[in-house]
Amino acid sequence: MEKIELLERDIKAKKPSVLLKDGLTPAVVYNAKTESNSVMLDSKVARKLVRNASTATVLDMSLDGKDFKAIIKEVDRNPITEELRHISFFEIDPDQEMSFTIPFKVVGVSPAVKNNLGVLIEVHSSLGVRCKVGNLVPFIEVDISGLEHPGQTISVQDVKIPEGITVNQDETEATIITITEIQKEEVIRTEAVEGEEAAAEGEETTEAPAAEESAE
């Protein structure tokens, strides 16, 4: 991914709504020292960035001639129009371990799903880890080709975690994928409903005879 050029933003000069109309997306860069810089970037670049990058994507960025690496921590959108309104970046210290969220990538074909024996359920789509940026990977593969029957699962313990990455303690035994049985839909008709339908089918519509006109 190309280097992202950021511009300093004076939060008192223009409101975020004005920047957005000018084709600029407001953003902030903060770090582990709780320092933060208000910045902005071209909205076309921002939309492409959010569309293609995950929280585990290391970004090359530049601000006032200083190059650094960062990740996306938070994205704010308009809840109605889905317009991108703000991005929060976190500057990475390459020498320190940090917390990341790495997405899973499902690979292979499950025989249980292929043969219509079960349905694949993704219980977790990502994994919380700690590592240095040099050991960070964009995703962790989960091979489902061994799932042949309903009831089988794949947990964090079953996947290969790359060297240098430590899984968060509360997620070491978490289930990632499970195969559940296909539920056959059964239509249950109560006696009352059956009775009503039977009555409707047997009901005959009769017309009252026309009244005879009295002769004068």
C-alpha atoms as a PDB file:
ATOM      1  CA  MET A   1       0.000   0.000   0.000  1.00  0.00           C
ATOM      2  CA  GLU A   2       1.288   3.459  -0.922  1.00  0.00           C
ATOM      3  CA  LYS A   3       2.482   5.924   1.692  1.00  0.00           C
ATOM      4  CA  ILE A   4      -0.340   7.998   3.166  1.00  0.00           C
ATOM      5  CA  GLU A   5       0.324  11.741   3.175  1.00  0.00           C
ATOM      6  CA  LEU A   6      -1.238  13.520   6.152  1.00  0.00           C
ATOM      7  CA  LEU A   7      -1.716  17.248   6.652  1.00  0.00           C
ATOM      8  CA  GLU A   8      -1.792  19.172   9.918  1.00  0.00           C
ATOM      9  CA  ARG A   9      -5.312  20.221  10.890  1.00  0.00           C
ATOM     10  CA  ASP A  10      -6.221  23.318  12.871  1.00  0.00           C
ATOM     11  CA  ILE A  11      -9.319  22.214  14.770  1.00  0.00           C
ATOM     12  CA  LYS A  12     -10.309  25.864  15.318  1.00  0.00           C
ATOM     13  CA  ALA A  13      -9.959  26.920  11.683  1.00  0.00           C
ATOM     14  CA  LYS A  14     -12.540  24.739   9.977  1.00  0.00           C
ATOM     15  CA  LYS A  15     -15.281  22.470  11.227  1.00  0.00           C
ATOM     16  CA  PRO A  16     -15.177  18.797  10.184  1.00  0.00           C
ATOM     17  CA  SER A  17     -18.310  19.277   8.080  1.00  0.00           C
ATOM     18  CA  VAL A  18     -16.567  22.013   6.074  1.00  0.00           C
ATOM     19  CA  LEU A  19     -13.474  19.852   5.547  1.00  0.00           C
ATOM     20  CA  LEU A  20     -15.626  17.004   4.283  1.00  0.00           C
ATOM     21  CA  LYS A  21     -17.277  19.315   1.752  1.00  0.00           C
ATOM     22  CA  ASP A  22     -13.788  20.369   0.635  1.00  0.00           C
ATOM     23  CA  GLY A  23     -12.830  16.745  -0.026  1.00  0.00           C
ATOM     24  CA  LEU A  24     -10.769  16.286   3.137  1.00  0.00           C
ATOM     25  CA  THR A  25     -11.381  13.714   5.883  1.00  0.00           C
ATOM     26  CA  PRO A  26     -10.580  14.719   9.485  1.00  0.00           C
ATOM     27  CA  ALA A  27      -8.366  12.308  11.425  1.00  0.00           C
ATOM     28  CA  VAL A  28      -6.187  11.992  14.505  1.00  0.00           C
ATOM     29  CA  VAL A  29      -2.895  10.199  15.171  1.00  0.00           C
ATOM     30  CA  TYR A  30      -2.084   9.202  18.738  1.00  0.00           C
ATOM     31  CA  ASN A  31       0.552   7.027  20.354  1.00  0.00           C
ATOM     32  CA  ALA A  32       1.406   5.089  23.491  1.00  0.00           C
ATOM     33  CA  LYS A  33       2.623   8.278  25.179  1.00  0.00           C
ATOM     34  CA  THR A  34      -0.952   9.641  24.925  1.00  0.00           C
ATOM     35  CA  GLU A  35       0.282  12.297  22.482  1.00  0.00           C
ATOM     36  CA  SER A  36      -2.041  13.142  19.615  1.00  0.00           C
ATOM     37  CA  ASN A  37      -2.025  15.170  16.413  1.00  0.00           C
ATOM     38  CA  SER A  38      -5.108  16.430  14.619  1.00  0.00           C
ATOM     39  CA  VAL A  39      -4.638  15.748  10.922  1.00  0.00           C
ATOM     40  CA  MET A  40      -6.556  15.386   7.674  1.00  0.00           C
ATOM     41  CA  LEU A  41      -6.152  13.513   4.398  1.00  0.00           C
ATOM     42  CA  ASP A  42      -7.678  13.432   0.946  1.00  0.00           C
ATOM     43  CA  SER A  43     -11.147  11.877   1.190  1.00  0.00           C
ATOM     44  CA  LYS A  44     -10.592   9.644  -1.865  1.00  0.00           C
ATOM     45  CA  VAL A  45      -7.461   8.243  -0.232  1.00  0.00           C
ATOM     46  CA  ALA A  46      -9.307   7.852   3.075  1.00  0.00           C
ATOM     47  CA  ARG A  47     -12.177   5.888   1.526  1.00  0.00           C
ATOM     48  CA  LYS A  48      -9.783   3.592  -0.336  1.00  0.00           C
ATOM     49  CA  LEU A  49      -7.764   3.108   2.839  1.00  0.00           C
ATOM     50  CA  VAL A  50     -10.758   2.124   4.949  1.00  0.00           C
ATOM     51  CA  ARG A  51     -12.043  -0.160   2.203  1.00  0.00           C
ATOM     52  CA  ASN A  52      -8.794  -2.109   1.799  1.00  0.00           C
ATOM     53  CA  ALA A  53      -7.065  -1.993   5.189  1.00  0.00           C
ATOM     54  CA  SER A  54      -7.890  -3.948   8.347  1.00  0.00           C
ATOM     55  CA  THR A  55      -6.899  -3.248  11.953  1.00  0.00           C
ATOM     56  CA  ALA A  56      -3.866  -5.487  11.350  1.00  0.00           C
ATOM     57  CA  THR A  57      -2.677  -3.591   8.264  1.00  0.00           C
ATOM     58  CA  VAL A  58       0.511  -1.631   8.936  1.00  0.00           C
ATOM     59  CA  LEU A  59       0.367   1.696   7.113  1.00  0.00           C
ATOM     60  CA  ASP A  60       3.305   3.836   5.972  1.00  0.00           C
ATOM     61  CA  MET A  61       2.452   7.441   6.781  1.00  0.00           C
ATOM     62  CA  SER A  62       4.058  10.838   6.509  1.00  0.00           C
ATOM     63  CA  LEU A  63       3.388  14.070   8.398  1.00  0.00           C
ATOM     64  CA  ASP A  64       5.501  17.227   8.028  1.00  0.00           C
ATOM     65  CA  GLY A  65       8.391  15.239   6.572  1.00  0.00           C
ATOM     66  CA  LYS A  66       8.333  12.622   9.331  1.00  0.00           C
ATOM     67  CA  ASP A  67       7.749   9.042   8.226  1.00  0.00           C
ATOM     68  CA  PHE A  68       6.152   6.579  10.625  1.00  0.00           C
ATOM     69  CA  LYS A  69       4.021   3.447  10.718  1.00  0.00           C
ATOM     70  CA  ALA A  70       0.489   3.272  12.061  1.00  0.00           C
ATOM     71  CA  ILE A  71      -2.662   1.193  12.102  1.00  0.00           C
ATOM     72  CA  ILE A  72      -6.334   2.119  11.935  1.00  0.00           C
ATOM     73  CA  LYS A  73      -7.900   2.014  15.389  1.00  0.00           C
ATOM     74  CA  GLU A  74     -11.350   3.461  14.755  1.00  0.00           C
ATOM     75  CA  VAL A  75     -13.518   4.631  11.875  1.00  0.00           C
ATOM     76  CA  ASP A  76     -16.519   6.912  12.269  1.00  0.00           C
ATOM     77  CA  ARG A  77     -19.307   6.972   9.685  1.00  0.00           C
ATOM     78  CA  ASN A  78     -22.575   8.805   9.396  1.00  0.00           C
ATOM     79  CA  PRO A  79     -25.147   6.247  10.653  1.00  0.00           C
ATOM     80  CA  ILE A  80     -27.631   7.225   7.956  1.00  0.00           C
ATOM     81  CA  THR A  81     -25.563   7.977   4.840  1.00  0.00           C
ATOM     82  CA  GLU A  82     -22.531   5.773   5.732  1.00  0.00           C
ATOM     83  CA  GLU A  83     -20.320   8.736   4.800  1.00  0.00           C
ATOM     84  CA  LEU A  84     -16.811   8.463   6.251  1.00  0.00           C
ATOM     85  CA  ARG A  85     -16.488  11.229   8.861  1.00  0.00           C
ATOM     86  CA  HIS A  86     -13.305  10.551  10.842  1.00  0.00           C
ATOM     87  CA  ILE A  87     -10.402   8.107  11.218  1.00  0.00           C
ATOM     88  CA  SER A  88      -8.289   7.427  14.292  1.00  0.00           C
ATOM     89  CA  PHE A  89      -4.746   6.151  13.696  1.00  0.00           C
ATOM     90  CA  PHE A  90      -2.329   4.701  16.238  1.00  0.00           C
ATOM     91  CA  GLU A  91       1.394   5.251  15.696  1.00  0.00           C
ATOM     92  CA  ILE A  92       3.429   2.076  16.101  1.00  0.00           C
ATOM     93  CA  ASP A  93       6.664   1.804  18.077  1.00  0.00           C
ATOM     94  CA  PRO A  94       8.556  -0.949  16.192  1.00  0.00           C
ATOM     95  CA  ASP A  95      10.528  -1.902  19.297  1.00  0.00           C
ATOM     96  CA  GLN A  96       7.548  -2.467  21.585  1.00  0.00           C
ATOM     97  CA  GLU A  97       4.927  -5.209  21.694  1.00  0.00           C
ATOM     98  CA  MET A  98       1.419  -3.960  21.052  1.00  0.00           C
ATOM     99  CA  SER A  99      -2.093  -5.323  21.035  1.00  0.00           C
ATOM    100  CA  PHE A 100      -3.563  -6.104  17.617  1.00  0.00           C
ATOM    101  CA  THR A 101      -6.672  -7.760  16.229  1.00  0.00           C
ATOM    102  CA  ILE A 102      -5.833 -10.170  13.398  1.00  0.00           C
ATOM    103  CA  PRO A 103      -8.676 -11.431  11.171  1.00  0.00           C
ATOM    104  CA  PHE A 104      -9.093 -15.119  10.316  1.00  0.00           C
ATOM    105  CA  LYS A 105      -9.044 -16.261   6.700  1.00  0.00           C
ATOM    106  CA  VAL A 106     -11.059 -19.429   6.028  1.00  0.00           C
ATOM    107  CA  VAL A 107      -9.420 -21.706   3.432  1.00  0.00           C
ATOM    108  CA  GLY A 108     -10.339 -25.095   1.967  1.00  0.00           C
ATOM    109  CA  VAL A 109     -13.697 -26.796   1.530  1.00  0.00           C
ATOM    110  CA  SER A 110     -15.566 -28.601   4.296  1.00  0.00           C
ATOM    111  CA  PRO A 111     -16.860 -32.056   3.181  1.00  0.00           C
ATOM    112  CA  ALA A 112     -19.765 -31.644   5.614  1.00  0.00           C
ATOM    113  CA  VAL A 113     -20.890 -28.464   3.843  1.00  0.00           C
ATOM    114  CA  LYS A 114     -20.120 -29.785   0.356  1.00  0.00           C
ATOM    115  CA  ASN A 115     -22.243 -32.903   0.945  1.00  0.00           C
ATOM    116  CA  ASN A 116     -25.100 -30.929   2.550  1.00  0.00           C
ATOM    117  CA  LEU A 117     -24.562 -32.601   5.903  1.00  0.00           C
ATOM    118  CA  GLY A 118     -24.145 -29.441   7.901  1.00  0.00           C
ATOM    119  CA  VAL A 119     -23.834 -25.662   7.972  1.00  0.00           C
ATOM    120  CA  LEU A 120     -20.581 -23.831   8.681  1.00  0.00           C
ATOM    121  CA  ILE A 121     -20.815 -21.211  11.428  1.00  0.00           C
ATOM    122  CA  GLU A 122     -18.038 -18.668  11.994  1.00  0.00           C
ATOM    123  CA  VAL A 123     -18.082 -18.089  15.744  1.00  0.00           C
ATOM    124  CA  HIS A 124     -15.123 -15.686  15.746  1.00  0.00           C
ATOM    125  CA  SER A 125     -13.836 -13.685  12.791  1.00  0.00           C
ATOM    126  CA  SER A 126     -10.654 -12.345  14.420  1.00  0.00           C
ATOM    127  CA  LEU A 127      -8.138 -12.939  17.189  1.00  0.00           C
ATOM    128  CA  GLY A 128      -6.682 -10.619  19.815  1.00  0.00           C
ATOM    129  CA  VAL A 129      -2.893 -10.879  20.047  1.00  0.00           C
ATOM    130  CA  ARG A 130       0.267  -9.094  21.212  1.00  0.00           C
ATOM    131  CA  CYS A 131       3.430  -8.799  19.137  1.00  0.00           C
ATOM    132  CA  LYS A 132       5.943  -6.415  17.626  1.00  0.00           C
ATOM    133  CA  VAL A 133       5.003  -4.859  14.323  1.00  0.00           C
ATOM    134  CA  GLY A 134       7.731  -6.867  12.600  1.00  0.00           C
ATOM    135  CA  ASN A 135       5.928 -10.107  13.515  1.00  0.00           C
ATOM    136  CA  LEU A 136       2.452  -8.906  12.595  1.00  0.00           C
ATOM    137  CA  VAL A 137       0.641 -10.803   9.831  1.00  0.00           C
ATOM    138  CA  PRO A 138      -2.404  -9.582   7.836  1.00  0.00           C
ATOM    139  CA  PHE A 139      -4.472 -12.702   8.666  1.00  0.00           C
ATOM    140  CA  ILE A 140      -4.378 -16.192  10.200  1.00  0.00           C
ATOM    141  CA  GLU A 141      -5.493 -19.084   8.007  1.00  0.00           C
ATOM    142  CA  VAL A 142      -8.140 -21.530   9.230  1.00  0.00           C
ATOM    143  CA  ASP A 143      -8.295 -24.717   7.131  1.00  0.00           C
ATOM    144  CA  ILE A 144     -11.795 -26.244   7.158  1.00  0.00           C
ATOM    145  CA  SER A 145     -11.056 -29.204   4.857  1.00  0.00           C
ATOM    146  CA  GLY A 146     -11.033 -31.569   7.845  1.00  0.00           C
ATOM    147  CA  LEU A 147     -14.593 -30.780   8.932  1.00  0.00           C
ATOM    148  CA  GLU A 148     -16.505 -33.832   7.698  1.00  0.00           C
ATOM    149  CA  HIS A 149     -19.420 -34.136  10.146  1.00  0.00           C
ATOM    150  CA  PRO A 150     -21.805 -31.917  12.116  1.00  0.00           C
ATOM    151  CA  GLY A 151     -20.530 -31.222  15.613  1.00  0.00           C
ATOM    152  CA  GLN A 152     -16.901 -30.806  14.585  1.00  0.00           C
ATOM    153  CA  THR A 153     -15.184 -27.549  15.535  1.00  0.00           C
ATOM    154  CA  ILE A 154     -11.940 -25.667  15.071  1.00  0.00           C
ATOM    155  CA  SER A 155     -10.578 -23.712  18.029  1.00  0.00           C
ATOM    156  CA  VAL A 156      -7.658 -21.328  18.435  1.00  0.00           C
ATOM    157  CA  GLN A 157      -5.571 -24.248  19.686  1.00  0.00           C
ATOM    158  CA  ASP A 158      -6.061 -26.013  16.338  1.00  0.00           C
ATOM    159  CA  VAL A 159      -4.576 -23.275  14.136  1.00  0.00           C
ATOM    160  CA  LYS A 160      -0.931 -22.392  13.592  1.00  0.00           C
ATOM    161  CA  ILE A 161      -0.040 -19.114  15.259  1.00  0.00           C
ATOM    162  CA  PRO A 162       2.976 -17.435  13.589  1.00  0.00           C
ATOM    163  CA  GLU A 163       6.175 -17.122  15.596  1.00  0.00           C
ATOM    164  CA  GLY A 164       6.488 -14.022  17.731  1.00  0.00           C
ATOM    165  CA  ILE A 165       2.733 -13.657  18.235  1.00  0.00           C
ATOM    166  CA  THR A 166       1.118 -14.272  21.630  1.00  0.00           C
ATOM    167  CA  VAL A 167      -2.620 -14.956  21.804  1.00  0.00           C
ATOM    168  CA  ASN A 168      -4.579 -13.106  24.480  1.00  0.00           C
ATOM    169  CA  GLN A 169      -5.117 -15.408  27.452  1.00  0.00           C
ATOM    170  CA  ASP A 170      -8.912 -15.246  27.346  1.00  0.00           C
ATOM    171  CA  GLU A 171      -8.981 -16.375  23.706  1.00  0.00           C
ATOM    172  CA  THR A 172      -6.620 -19.370  23.771  1.00  0.00           C
ATOM    173  CA  GLU A 173      -9.464 -21.916  23.833  1.00  0.00           C
ATOM    174  CA  ALA A 174     -12.047 -19.964  21.845  1.00  0.00           C
ATOM    175  CA  THR A 175     -13.988 -21.743  19.092  1.00  0.00           C
ATOM    176  CA  ILE A 176     -13.449 -20.268  15.638  1.00  0.00           C
ATOM    177  CA  ILE A 177     -15.542 -22.516  13.367  1.00  0.00           C
ATOM    178  CA  THR A 178     -18.239 -25.076  14.061  1.00  0.00           C
ATOM    179  CA  ILE A 179     -20.409 -27.311  11.870  1.00  0.00           C
ATOM    180  CA  THR A 180     -24.069 -27.561  12.864  1.00  0.00           C
ATOM    181  CA  GLU A 181     -26.727 -29.938  11.577  1.00  0.00           C
ATOM    182  CA  ILE A 182     -29.081 -28.734   8.879  1.00  0.00           C
ATOM    183  CA  GLN A 183     -32.430 -28.040  10.489  1.00  0.00           C
ATOM    184  CA  LYS A 184     -35.314 -29.508   8.499  1.00  0.00           C
ATOM    185  CA  GLU A 185     -38.287 -27.215   8.543  1.00  0.00           C
ATOM    186  CA  GLU A 186     -41.354 -28.904   9.957  1.00  0.00           C
ATOM    187  CA  VAL A 187     -44.805 -27.450   9.561  1.00  0.00           C
ATOM    188  CA  ILE A 188     -46.908 -28.105  12.631  1.00  0.00           C
ATOM    189  CA  ARG A 189     -50.652 -27.712  12.239  1.00  0.00           C
ATOM    190  CA  THR A 190     -52.792 -27.550  15.315  1.00  0.00           C
ATOM    191  CA  GLU A 191     -56.169 -29.255  15.513  1.00  0.00           C
ATOM    192  CA  ALA A 192     -57.830 -25.882  15.651  1.00  0.00           C
ATOM    193  CA  VAL A 193     -56.246 -24.749  12.410  1.00  0.00           C
ATOM    194  CA  GLU A 194     -57.034 -28.055  10.732  1.00  0.00           C
ATOM    195  CA  GLY A 195     -60.629 -27.776  11.874  1.00  0.00           C
ATOM    196  CA  GLU A 196     -60.923 -24.254  10.517  1.00  0.00           C
ATOM    197  CA  GLU A 197     -59.474 -25.279   7.171  1.00  0.00           C
ATOM    198  CA  ALA A 198     -61.777 -28.285   6.948  1.00  0.00           C
ATOM    199  CA  ALA A 199     -64.782 -26.113   7.722  1.00  0.00           C
ATOM    200  CA  ALA A 200     -63.701 -23.594   5.086  1.00  0.00           C
ATOM    201  CA  GLU A 201     -63.375 -26.314   2.459  1.00  0.00           C
ATOM    202  CA  GLY A 202     -66.809 -27.809   3.222  1.00  0.00           C
ATOM    203  CA  GLU A 203     -68.664 -24.576   3.554  1.00  0.00           C
ATOM    204  CA  GLU A 204     -71.322 -24.020   0.896  1.00  0.00           C
ATOM    205  CA  THR A 205     -72.570 -20.624  -0.052  1.00  0.00           C
ATOM    206  CA  THR A 206     -76.341 -20.425  -0.508  1.00  0.00           C
ATOM    207  CA  GLU A 207     -78.317 -17.571  -1.909  1.00  0.00           C
ATOM    208  CA  ALA A 208     -81.647 -16.554  -0.420  1.00  0.00           C
ATOM    209  CA  PRO A 209     -84.549 -16.839  -2.942  1.00  0.00           C
ATOM    210  CA  ALA A 210     -85.703 -13.554  -4.352  1.00  0.00           C
ATOM    211  CA  ALA A 211     -88.912 -12.301  -2.771  1.00  0.00           C
ATOM    212  CA  GLU A 212     -91.944 -12.617  -5.037  1.00  0.00           C
ATOM    213  CA  GLU A 213     -93.583  -9.406  -5.996  1.00  0.00           C
ATOM    214  CA  SER A 214     -97.165  -9.248  -4.832  1.00  0.00           C
ATOM    215  CA  ALA A 215     -99.666  -8.867  -7.630  1.00  0.00           C
ATOM    216  CA  GLU A 216    -101.796  -5.840  -7.442  1.00  0.00           C
END
